Amino acid sequence: MGAQDAAAVVSAGSALDEPARGRPNRQSGEVVNALKVRDNVTNWLHLARIYVVIAASVVGAVWVIESARAGDISWWWTLPSTLVAIVAIGASQHQFGGAIHEGTHYMLFANRKLNELASDWLAAFPILTTTYHFRLHHLAHHQFVNDPERDPDISQLQESDHWLDFPITHVEMAWKLIKQLWIPNLFRYTITRARYSALGHGHNPYADPANPGTIRPLRAGLVFAVGAPLIVIPLTAMGYATAVAIILPLMWALVVTILYLLPDHHYPRTRLSPVIPLRYTGIGRVTYLAILYGALCAVQLAGWGPAWAYFGLLWLVPVFTAFPLFMILRQWVQHGNADRGRYTNTRVFLAGPLVRYAVFPWGMDYHLPHHMMASVPHYNLKKLHEIMLRDPEYADKGVIVEGYFGHHDNAHGHPTAMSVLGPEHAPKTRSAVYVDNAAIADADIADAAGIAREVEASLRRD
């Protein structure tokens, strides 16, 4: 982001990066700057942990099912083991969302190209999205947090009928949670979410109305994503290895050629420039799917088991069930029943390791310090929170949530995730509206003037 672009977008809050606004000191400023440092090593370990959990879940579930097929154990064992695997894999898919979140803020790795490629290939493509499309709606969420007209998280929840009319009672919250276990509700949420973070559709303040692109790149990608399995799965089941070996690469080559040759105007432009051109991200996503489909066919044709069936059961089922359930639980409590103030638009969550893994991945439990300083990597957010507590206003206004269930505050005086959404914790007064222009400081701005107009309109709204 160039100096002129920054000047056009960042308004009067030039102290946005201060650890305690209005109370900066040299020592705390140096400590905070040190927390912003990112590298090209640390997050490989965090990514590896996700893959270990997924591998263990898949191997365990498949072993139980294959043992039942062989008659070694009762089929009754397959139900609990499969359910545990679906929940664990859904939580791990949510972990992928956390990795994409870091990539969205350019914090997964210090090298920008590595950041984008690793985020896409190791986290986004496996859950059928891209880092850039997620970035478009997530940075808008940061900059215009809780603005009902510009925060895509709100409009996405409203479109999928998952938005709650806050404040709500604990009984209403419990009923809403029960309703989320109805599979069609989770399916609707996933489809709506895909329009925002997988397909790049949906209302967004960073959209360029003059250059919306066309449906052709999307259509070409969907033809391969959906059409290829419809063709190769039956061929694989019938053992036609040669046909699969010819048809799958031909379909991939045809779609890649189309994506490569499409004129530029078919690809949408936005007010945030992509790190990697959309043309090549689309080619990368199709290539990832081709490799995945080829591997599934090869495993099944080699006689090592019904790979496609296991893929559907242990990957696609979690994508449409456990994964969205964990996302909904997080979205509701992070910003529900909050206002647009700098210290009051979200919260800090104290939770155990299992809840952190499933519901608050990659530092999303320390969501208030993240929203105040989105340039600090997830593994330093707890330290940032401790520094921010030196700011009397942060310590006074920031809400710390402890535990998820229960409709009363706990013994420490902290609300639970359910009680913080209730009337007793609804904003009593309206805080000054906070537009977080610093959230896009690392982004490549293509239309600073357009974003500045959105900022002005957002501030004027309240």
Protein backbone atom coordinates (compact mmCIF):
# COMPACT_ATOMS: atom_id res chain seq x y z
CA MET A 1 0.00 0.00 0.00
CA GLY A 2 1.62 3.25 -1.13
CA ALA A 3 1.88 6.42 0.94
CA GLN A 4 -0.70 8.28 -1.14
CA ASP A 5 -3.12 5.38 -0.94
CA ALA A 6 -2.71 5.20 2.80
CA ALA A 7 -3.30 8.92 3.14
CA ALA A 8 -6.48 8.63 1.10
CA VAL A 9 -7.90 5.83 3.22
CA VAL A 10 -6.62 6.23 6.76
CA SER A 11 -8.58 8.94 8.49
CA ALA A 12 -7.97 10.86 11.65
CA GLY A 13 -7.07 7.81 13.75
CA SER A 14 -3.35 7.78 13.02
CA ALA A 15 -2.70 6.29 16.44
CA LEU A 16 -4.37 3.03 15.44
CA ASP A 17 -1.24 1.02 16.09
CA GLU A 18 -0.63 2.38 19.58
CA PRO A 19 -0.80 -0.31 22.27
CA ALA A 20 -2.88 2.01 24.44
CA ARG A 21 -4.48 4.80 22.50
CA GLY A 22 -3.76 8.12 24.13
CA ARG A 23 -1.29 6.51 26.54
CA PRO A 24 1.62 5.36 24.39
CA ASN A 25 5.06 4.83 25.77
CA ARG A 26 8.30 3.99 24.05
CA GLN A 27 8.86 0.70 25.83
CA SER A 28 5.40 -0.78 25.20
CA GLY A 29 5.52 0.44 21.60
CA GLU A 30 8.78 -1.43 21.01
CA VAL A 31 7.34 -4.58 22.58
CA VAL A 32 4.24 -4.40 20.37
CA ASN A 33 6.35 -3.86 17.25
CA ALA A 34 8.31 -6.97 18.18
CA LEU A 35 5.04 -8.91 18.41
CA LYS A 36 4.25 -7.99 14.80
CA VAL A 37 7.32 -9.77 13.44
CA ARG A 38 6.42 -12.78 11.29
CA ASP A 39 8.66 -15.46 9.78
CA ASN A 40 8.64 -18.29 7.25
CA VAL A 41 8.96 -21.14 9.77
CA THR A 42 6.62 -21.00 12.79
CA ASN A 43 3.32 -21.70 11.08
CA TRP A 44 4.57 -24.85 9.35
CA LEU A 45 4.25 -26.50 12.77
CA HIS A 46 0.70 -25.25 13.22
CA LEU A 47 -0.26 -26.50 9.76
CA ALA A 48 1.40 -29.86 10.40
CA ARG A 49 -0.64 -30.32 13.58
CA ILE A 50 -3.88 -29.99 11.60
CA TYR A 51 -2.78 -32.60 9.09
CA VAL A 52 -1.79 -34.98 11.89
CA VAL A 53 -5.25 -34.70 13.47
CA ILE A 54 -6.94 -35.22 10.09
CA ALA A 55 -4.74 -38.22 9.25
CA ALA A 56 -5.35 -39.84 12.64
CA SER A 57 -9.11 -39.27 12.33
CA VAL A 58 -9.28 -40.74 8.83
CA VAL A 59 -7.05 -43.72 9.62
CA GLY A 60 -9.00 -44.50 12.79
CA ALA A 61 -12.42 -44.31 11.14
CA VAL A 62 -11.34 -46.29 8.07
CA TRP A 63 -9.69 -48.98 10.22
CA VAL A 64 -12.91 -49.50 12.19
CA ILE A 65 -15.05 -49.65 9.03
CA GLU A 66 -12.66 -52.02 7.25
CA SER A 67 -12.48 -54.22 10.34
CA ALA A 68 -16.28 -54.38 10.37
CA ARG A 69 -16.34 -55.22 6.65
CA ALA A 70 -13.90 -58.05 7.33
CA GLY A 71 -16.11 -59.35 10.15
CA ASP A 72 -13.50 -58.74 12.83
CA ILE A 73 -15.69 -56.38 14.89
CA SER A 74 -19.35 -55.46 15.10
CA TRP A 75 -20.77 -52.86 12.72
CA TRP A 76 -22.08 -51.01 15.79
CA TRP A 77 -18.55 -49.73 16.40
CA THR A 78 -18.57 -47.85 13.10
CA LEU A 79 -21.22 -45.32 14.17
CA PRO A 80 -19.42 -43.74 17.17
CA SER A 81 -16.01 -43.91 15.51
CA THR A 82 -17.31 -42.24 12.34
CA LEU A 83 -19.14 -39.53 14.31
CA VAL A 84 -15.99 -38.77 16.30
CA ALA A 85 -14.00 -38.58 13.06
CA ILE A 86 -16.56 -36.25 11.44
CA VAL A 87 -16.45 -33.91 14.44
CA ALA A 88 -12.64 -33.97 14.62
CA ILE A 89 -12.27 -33.41 10.87
CA GLY A 90 -14.88 -30.63 10.93
CA ALA A 91 -12.91 -28.96 13.71
CA SER A 92 -9.75 -29.37 11.62
CA GLN A 93 -11.47 -27.83 8.61
CA HIS A 94 -12.26 -24.89 10.88
CA GLN A 95 -8.56 -24.88 11.73
CA PHE A 96 -7.89 -24.54 8.00
CA GLY A 97 -10.15 -21.50 8.17
CA GLY A 98 -7.86 -20.14 10.88
CA ALA A 99 -4.83 -20.68 8.66
CA ILE A 100 -6.58 -18.89 5.79
CA HIS A 101 -7.40 -16.10 8.22
CA GLU A 102 -3.70 -15.66 8.95
CA GLY A 103 -2.97 -15.73 5.23
CA THR A 104 -5.68 -13.15 4.65
CA HIS A 105 -3.81 -10.76 6.95
CA TYR A 106 -0.49 -11.67 5.26
CA MET A 107 0.70 -13.28 8.52
CA LEU A 108 0.89 -16.98 7.68
CA PHE A 109 4.41 -16.44 6.32
CA ALA A 110 6.59 -13.37 5.92
CA ASN A 111 7.17 -13.96 2.21
CA ARG A 112 4.02 -12.70 0.49
CA LYS A 113 4.01 -15.24 -2.36
CA LEU A 114 4.70 -18.11 0.04
CA ASN A 115 1.95 -16.77 2.30
CA GLU A 116 -0.57 -16.84 -0.55
CA LEU A 117 0.45 -20.17 -2.05
CA ALA A 118 0.64 -22.01 1.29
CA SER A 119 -2.67 -20.55 2.42
CA ASP A 120 -4.34 -21.60 -0.84
CA TRP A 121 -2.83 -25.04 -1.40
CA LEU A 122 -2.62 -26.24 2.21
CA ALA A 123 -5.78 -24.70 3.68
CA ALA A 124 -8.12 -22.90 1.26
CA PHE A 125 -8.28 -25.33 -1.67
CA PRO A 126 -8.99 -28.32 0.63
CA ILE A 127 -12.14 -26.59 1.89
CA LEU A 128 -13.10 -25.32 -1.57
CA THR A 129 -12.24 -21.64 -1.17
CA THR A 130 -9.39 -19.24 -1.99
CA THR A 131 -7.43 -16.88 0.22
CA TYR A 132 -8.16 -13.89 -1.99
CA HIS A 133 -11.93 -14.34 -1.96
CA PHE A 134 -11.85 -14.80 1.80
CA ARG A 135 -9.67 -11.68 2.10
CA LEU A 136 -12.22 -9.59 0.20
CA HIS A 137 -14.95 -10.17 2.72
CA HIS A 138 -12.81 -10.58 5.83
CA LEU A 139 -10.86 -7.33 5.55
CA ALA A 140 -14.17 -5.57 4.93
CA HIS A 141 -15.41 -7.20 8.13
CA HIS A 142 -12.40 -5.77 9.96
CA GLN A 143 -12.59 -2.29 8.52
CA PHE A 144 -16.36 -1.97 8.92
CA VAL A 145 -16.90 -4.32 11.86
CA ASN A 146 -20.56 -4.61 12.92
CA ASP A 147 -21.70 -2.13 10.27
CA PRO A 148 -24.94 -3.80 9.10
CA GLU A 149 -24.53 -2.37 5.59
CA ARG A 150 -20.81 -3.05 5.04
CA ASP A 151 -19.74 -5.94 7.26
CA PRO A 152 -20.05 -9.04 5.02
CA ASP A 153 -20.20 -11.33 8.06
CA ILE A 154 -23.53 -9.78 9.01
CA SER A 155 -25.03 -9.91 5.53
CA GLN A 156 -23.85 -13.51 5.10
CA LEU A 157 -25.52 -14.60 8.35
CA GLN A 158 -28.68 -12.73 7.38
CA GLU A 159 -28.82 -14.33 3.93
CA SER A 160 -28.41 -17.82 5.38
CA ASP A 161 -31.02 -17.07 8.08
CA HIS A 162 -28.48 -17.52 10.88
CA TRP A 163 -28.46 -13.95 12.15
CA LEU A 164 -29.84 -13.54 15.67
CA ASP A 165 -31.85 -10.54 16.86
CA PHE A 166 -29.55 -9.61 19.73
CA PRO A 167 -29.87 -9.48 22.67
CA ILE A 168 -31.32 -12.93 23.14
CA THR A 169 -32.14 -14.94 26.26
CA HIS A 170 -30.28 -18.12 27.13
CA VAL A 171 -33.40 -20.13 26.26
CA GLU A 172 -33.50 -18.56 22.79
CA MET A 173 -29.79 -19.21 22.38
CA ALA A 174 -30.17 -22.85 23.42
CA TRP A 175 -33.03 -23.31 20.96
CA LYS A 176 -30.99 -21.73 18.17
CA LEU A 177 -28.12 -24.10 18.94
CA ILE A 178 -30.46 -27.08 18.76
CA LYS A 179 -31.83 -25.87 15.43
CA GLN A 180 -28.30 -25.81 14.01
CA LEU A 181 -28.15 -29.57 14.38
CA TRP A 182 -30.78 -29.80 11.64
CA ILE A 183 -28.66 -30.65 8.60
CA PRO A 184 -30.54 -28.44 6.07
CA ASN A 185 -29.73 -25.38 8.21
CA LEU A 186 -26.02 -26.19 8.12
CA PHE A 187 -26.19 -26.92 4.40
CA ARG A 188 -27.83 -23.54 3.73
CA TYR A 189 -25.18 -21.78 5.80
CA THR A 190 -22.38 -23.52 3.87
CA ILE A 191 -23.85 -22.66 0.48
CA THR A 192 -24.30 -19.00 1.46
CA ARG A 193 -20.80 -18.86 2.92
CA ALA A 194 -19.43 -20.30 -0.32
CA ARG A 195 -20.92 -17.41 -2.27
CA TYR A 196 -18.78 -15.08 -0.18
CA SER A 197 -15.50 -16.85 0.44
CA ALA A 198 -15.33 -19.52 -2.26
CA LEU A 199 -17.02 -17.98 -5.26
CA GLY A 200 -16.41 -14.30 -4.48
CA HIS A 201 -20.06 -13.29 -4.64
CA GLY A 202 -22.15 -11.32 -2.15
CA HIS A 203 -22.37 -7.68 -1.10
CA ASN A 204 -18.94 -6.20 -0.46
CA PRO A 205 -17.68 -2.62 -0.03
CA TYR A 206 -14.53 -3.56 -1.97
CA ALA A 207 -16.44 -4.60 -5.09
CA ASP A 208 -15.86 -2.60 -8.26
CA PRO A 209 -19.29 -2.20 -9.90
CA ALA A 210 -17.67 -1.13 -13.17
CA ASN A 211 -15.65 -4.37 -13.49
CA PRO A 212 -17.73 -7.26 -12.13
CA GLY A 213 -16.29 -9.87 -14.49
CA THR A 214 -18.42 -12.64 -15.99
CA ILE A 215 -19.63 -16.05 -14.94
CA ARG A 216 -17.37 -17.91 -17.37
CA PRO A 217 -14.37 -18.54 -15.05
CA LEU A 218 -16.71 -19.73 -12.31
CA ARG A 219 -18.64 -21.93 -14.71
CA ALA A 220 -15.45 -23.51 -16.06
CA GLY A 221 -14.22 -24.28 -12.55
CA LEU A 222 -17.56 -25.77 -11.49
CA VAL A 223 -17.70 -27.94 -14.60
CA PHE A 224 -14.47 -29.59 -13.50
CA ALA A 225 -15.17 -29.60 -9.74
CA VAL A 226 -18.56 -31.27 -10.15
CA GLY A 227 -18.43 -32.78 -13.63
CA ALA A 228 -15.17 -34.68 -13.31
CA PRO A 229 -16.30 -36.78 -10.31
CA LEU A 230 -19.62 -37.56 -12.03
CA ILE A 231 -17.63 -39.12 -14.87
CA VAL A 232 -14.64 -40.74 -13.17
CA ILE A 233 -16.40 -42.21 -10.12
CA PRO A 234 -18.49 -44.68 -12.17
CA LEU A 235 -15.49 -45.48 -14.37
CA THR A 236 -13.38 -46.13 -11.28
CA ALA A 237 -16.08 -48.33 -9.75
CA MET A 238 -16.14 -50.42 -12.95
CA GLY A 239 -12.34 -50.69 -12.99
CA TYR A 240 -11.75 -48.74 -16.20
CA ALA A 241 -8.33 -47.44 -15.23
CA THR A 242 -7.28 -46.50 -18.77
CA ALA A 243 -10.43 -44.44 -19.34
CA VAL A 244 -9.87 -42.58 -16.06
CA ALA A 245 -6.22 -41.98 -16.95
CA ILE A 246 -7.27 -40.38 -20.24
CA ILE A 247 -10.48 -38.52 -19.36
CA LEU A 248 -9.40 -36.83 -16.12
CA PRO A 249 -6.24 -35.19 -17.56
CA LEU A 250 -8.14 -34.19 -20.70
CA MET A 251 -10.88 -32.48 -18.67
CA TRP A 252 -8.25 -30.73 -16.57
CA ALA A 253 -6.33 -29.57 -19.64
CA LEU A 254 -9.50 -28.27 -21.29
CA VAL A 255 -10.59 -26.24 -18.25
CA VAL A 256 -7.09 -24.89 -17.62
CA THR A 257 -6.85 -23.82 -21.26
CA ILE A 258 -10.18 -22.00 -21.00
CA LEU A 259 -9.14 -20.22 -17.79
CA TYR A 260 -5.80 -19.26 -19.31
CA LEU A 261 -7.20 -17.92 -22.59
CA LEU A 262 -10.19 -16.00 -21.23
CA PRO A 263 -9.71 -12.25 -21.79
CA ASP A 264 -9.02 -10.14 -18.71
CA HIS A 265 -12.50 -8.59 -18.57
CA HIS A 266 -13.97 -11.98 -17.62
CA TYR A 267 -12.13 -11.80 -14.27
CA PRO A 268 -13.60 -9.35 -11.74
CA ARG A 269 -11.63 -6.41 -10.43
CA THR A 270 -11.98 -5.15 -6.89
CA ARG A 271 -10.61 -2.36 -4.75
CA LEU A 272 -8.01 -4.80 -3.34
CA SER A 273 -5.50 -6.20 -5.83
CA PRO A 274 -4.74 -9.94 -5.58
CA VAL A 275 -1.23 -11.14 -4.75
CA ILE A 276 -1.57 -13.76 -7.48
CA PRO A 277 -3.77 -12.93 -10.51
CA LEU A 278 -7.23 -14.51 -10.28
CA ARG A 279 -6.58 -16.37 -13.54
CA TYR A 280 -3.71 -18.34 -11.97
CA THR A 281 -5.49 -18.85 -8.66
CA GLY A 282 -8.36 -20.42 -10.60
CA ILE A 283 -5.94 -22.64 -12.50
CA GLY A 284 -4.32 -23.61 -9.20
CA ARG A 285 -7.63 -24.56 -7.64
CA VAL A 286 -8.59 -26.75 -10.61
CA THR A 287 -5.13 -28.34 -10.57
CA TYR A 288 -5.47 -29.12 -6.86
CA LEU A 289 -8.79 -30.85 -7.52
CA ALA A 290 -7.29 -32.78 -10.44
CA ILE A 291 -4.50 -34.09 -8.20
CA LEU A 292 -7.02 -34.98 -5.47
CA TYR A 293 -9.39 -36.73 -7.87
CA GLY A 294 -6.52 -38.60 -9.49
CA ALA A 295 -5.25 -39.79 -6.12
CA LEU A 296 -8.70 -41.03 -5.07
CA CYS A 297 -9.10 -42.91 -8.34
CA ALA A 298 -5.62 -44.43 -8.04
CA VAL A 299 -6.20 -45.65 -4.48
CA GLN A 300 -9.51 -47.24 -5.40
CA LEU A 301 -8.27 -48.78 -8.65
CA ALA A 302 -5.31 -50.26 -6.76
CA GLY A 303 -7.78 -52.17 -4.59
CA TRP A 304 -7.00 -50.32 -1.37
CA GLY A 305 -10.61 -49.55 -0.54
CA PRO A 306 -13.55 -47.36 -1.64
CA ALA A 307 -11.59 -44.11 -1.60
CA TRP A 308 -14.35 -41.98 -3.13
CA ALA A 309 -16.89 -43.20 -0.57
CA TYR A 310 -14.49 -42.41 2.26
CA PHE A 311 -13.84 -38.97 0.77
CA GLY A 312 -17.55 -38.24 0.77
CA LEU A 313 -18.09 -39.59 4.27
CA LEU A 314 -15.00 -38.21 5.99
CA TRP A 315 -14.45 -34.94 4.11
CA LEU A 316 -17.57 -33.69 2.38
CA VAL A 317 -19.93 -34.63 5.22
CA PRO A 318 -17.86 -32.60 7.76
CA VAL A 319 -17.68 -29.69 5.28
CA PHE A 320 -21.48 -29.45 5.39
CA THR A 321 -22.07 -30.36 9.06
CA ALA A 322 -19.46 -30.07 11.80
CA PHE A 323 -17.38 -27.37 10.08
CA PRO A 324 -20.24 -24.86 9.65
CA LEU A 325 -21.56 -25.63 13.13
CA PHE A 326 -18.25 -24.60 14.69
CA MET A 327 -18.13 -21.49 12.49
CA ILE A 328 -21.63 -20.44 13.56
CA LEU A 329 -20.79 -20.93 17.25
CA ARG A 330 -17.76 -18.69 16.81
CA GLN A 331 -19.42 -15.97 14.74
CA TRP A 332 -22.34 -15.56 17.12
CA VAL A 333 -20.26 -15.03 20.24
CA GLN A 334 -17.42 -13.01 18.73
CA HIS A 335 -19.53 -10.07 17.55
CA GLY A 336 -23.13 -10.76 18.52
CA ASN A 337 -24.71 -8.26 20.96
CA ALA A 338 -21.77 -5.89 20.48
CA ASP A 339 -21.59 -2.36 19.08
CA ARG A 340 -19.15 -0.61 16.74
CA GLY A 341 -16.82 0.80 19.39
CA ARG A 342 -13.08 0.27 19.29
CA TYR A 343 -12.99 -1.62 22.60
CA THR A 344 -16.48 -3.09 22.44
CA ASN A 345 -16.94 -4.60 18.96
CA THR A 346 -15.74 -8.05 20.07
CA ARG A 347 -14.32 -9.91 23.07
CA VAL A 348 -11.63 -12.15 24.58
CA PHE A 349 -12.52 -15.79 25.23
CA LEU A 350 -10.93 -18.01 27.88
CA ALA A 351 -11.48 -21.60 26.80
CA GLY A 352 -9.96 -25.04 27.13
CA PRO A 353 -7.80 -26.66 24.43
CA LEU A 354 -10.61 -28.65 22.79
CA VAL A 355 -12.90 -25.62 22.47
CA ARG A 356 -9.97 -23.54 21.19
CA TYR A 357 -9.20 -26.16 18.55
CA ALA A 358 -12.78 -26.55 17.38
CA VAL A 359 -14.36 -23.11 17.90
CA PHE A 360 -11.54 -20.56 18.28
CA PRO A 361 -8.70 -21.69 15.97
CA TRP A 362 -5.47 -19.81 15.45
CA GLY A 363 -5.82 -17.19 18.19
CA MET A 364 -9.47 -16.37 17.55
CA ASP A 365 -10.04 -16.62 21.29
CA TYR A 366 -8.10 -13.34 21.66
CA HIS A 367 -10.37 -11.61 19.20
CA LEU A 368 -10.44 -8.14 20.75
CA PRO A 369 -6.66 -7.59 20.55
CA HIS A 370 -6.74 -9.08 17.06
CA HIS A 371 -9.33 -6.53 15.94
CA MET A 372 -7.38 -3.73 17.57
CA MET A 373 -4.12 -4.75 15.91
CA ALA A 374 -4.65 -7.17 13.03
CA SER A 375 -0.95 -7.14 12.11
CA VAL A 376 0.04 -9.29 15.12
CA PRO A 377 0.32 -13.05 14.36
CA HIS A 378 -2.00 -15.42 16.19
CA TYR A 379 0.72 -16.88 18.41
CA ASN A 380 1.45 -13.43 19.90
CA LEU A 381 -2.12 -12.30 20.58
CA LYS A 382 -2.15 -13.45 24.20
CA LYS A 383 0.96 -11.36 24.87
CA LEU A 384 -0.66 -8.42 23.09
CA HIS A 385 -3.73 -8.77 25.30
CA GLU A 386 -1.57 -8.67 28.42
CA ILE A 387 0.10 -5.48 27.19
CA MET A 388 -3.23 -3.91 26.26
CA LEU A 389 -4.50 -4.51 29.79
CA ARG A 390 -2.17 -1.68 30.85
CA ASP A 391 -4.55 0.65 29.04
CA PRO A 392 -7.26 1.56 31.60
CA GLU A 393 -9.87 1.96 28.86
CA TYR A 394 -9.11 -1.48 27.42
CA ALA A 395 -9.16 -3.05 30.88
CA ASP A 396 -12.45 -1.33 31.71
CA LYS A 397 -14.38 -1.76 28.45
CA GLY A 398 -12.93 -4.98 27.06
CA VAL A 399 -15.10 -8.02 27.84
CA ILE A 400 -13.50 -11.31 28.86
CA VAL A 401 -15.73 -14.34 28.29
CA GLU A 402 -15.05 -17.55 30.20
CA GLY A 403 -16.72 -20.82 29.24
CA TYR A 404 -19.39 -21.37 26.64
CA PHE A 405 -22.52 -22.67 28.35
CA GLY A 406 -24.44 -21.30 31.32
CA HIS A 407 -26.71 -18.28 31.53
CA HIS A 408 -25.10 -16.66 34.58
CA ASP A 409 -21.71 -14.98 34.94
CA ASN A 410 -19.16 -17.28 36.55
CA ALA A 411 -17.39 -16.96 39.89
CA HIS A 412 -14.75 -14.66 38.37
CA GLY A 413 -17.43 -12.24 37.22
CA HIS A 414 -16.86 -13.13 33.57
CA PRO A 415 -19.86 -13.81 31.35
CA THR A 416 -20.15 -17.10 29.51
CA ALA A 417 -20.49 -17.20 25.75
CA MET A 418 -24.24 -17.70 26.16
CA SER A 419 -24.80 -15.03 28.82
CA VAL A 420 -22.78 -12.36 26.97
CA LEU A 421 -25.41 -12.44 24.22
CA GLY A 422 -28.21 -11.65 26.67
CA PRO A 423 -29.95 -8.40 27.69
CA GLU A 424 -27.74 -7.86 30.75
CA HIS A 425 -24.68 -7.54 28.50
CA ALA A 426 -26.27 -5.53 25.70
CA PRO A 427 -24.53 -2.17 25.08
CA LYS A 428 -26.00 0.37 27.50
CA THR A 429 -24.63 3.36 25.62
CA ARG A 430 -23.46 3.77 22.04
CA SER A 431 -19.68 3.88 21.72
CA ALA A 432 -18.04 6.09 19.12
CA VAL A 433 -17.99 4.30 15.76
CA TYR A 434 -14.61 2.78 14.98
CA VAL A 435 -13.60 2.18 11.37
CA ASP A 436 -10.39 0.13 11.33
CA ASN A 437 -8.47 1.56 8.39
CA ALA A 438 -5.27 -0.03 9.69
CA ALA A 439 -6.71 -3.45 8.82
CA ILE A 440 -5.95 -2.85 5.13
CA ALA A 441 -2.54 -1.22 5.66
CA ASP A 442 -0.76 -4.32 4.30
CA ALA A 443 -3.14 -4.82 1.37
CA ASP A 444 -2.48 -3.78 -2.22
CA ILE A 445 -5.07 -1.05 -2.71
CA ALA A 446 -6.43 -0.67 -6.24
CA ASP A 447 -9.08 1.98 -5.51
CA ALA A 448 -8.25 4.02 -2.41
CA ALA A 449 -10.77 6.73 -3.29
CA GLY A 450 -13.59 4.19 -3.51
CA ILE A 451 -12.71 2.73 -0.11
CA ALA A 452 -12.47 6.23 1.36
CA ARG A 453 -16.03 6.90 0.19
CA GLU A 454 -17.19 3.75 1.96
CA VAL A 455 -15.40 4.87 5.13
CA GLU A 456 -17.08 8.26 5.00
CA ALA A 457 -20.50 6.68 4.45
CA SER A 458 -19.96 4.22 7.30
CA LEU A 459 -19.01 6.98 9.73
CA ARG A 460 -21.92 9.11 8.56
CA ARG A 461 -24.36 6.25 9.05
CA ASP A 462 -24.16 6.55 12.83
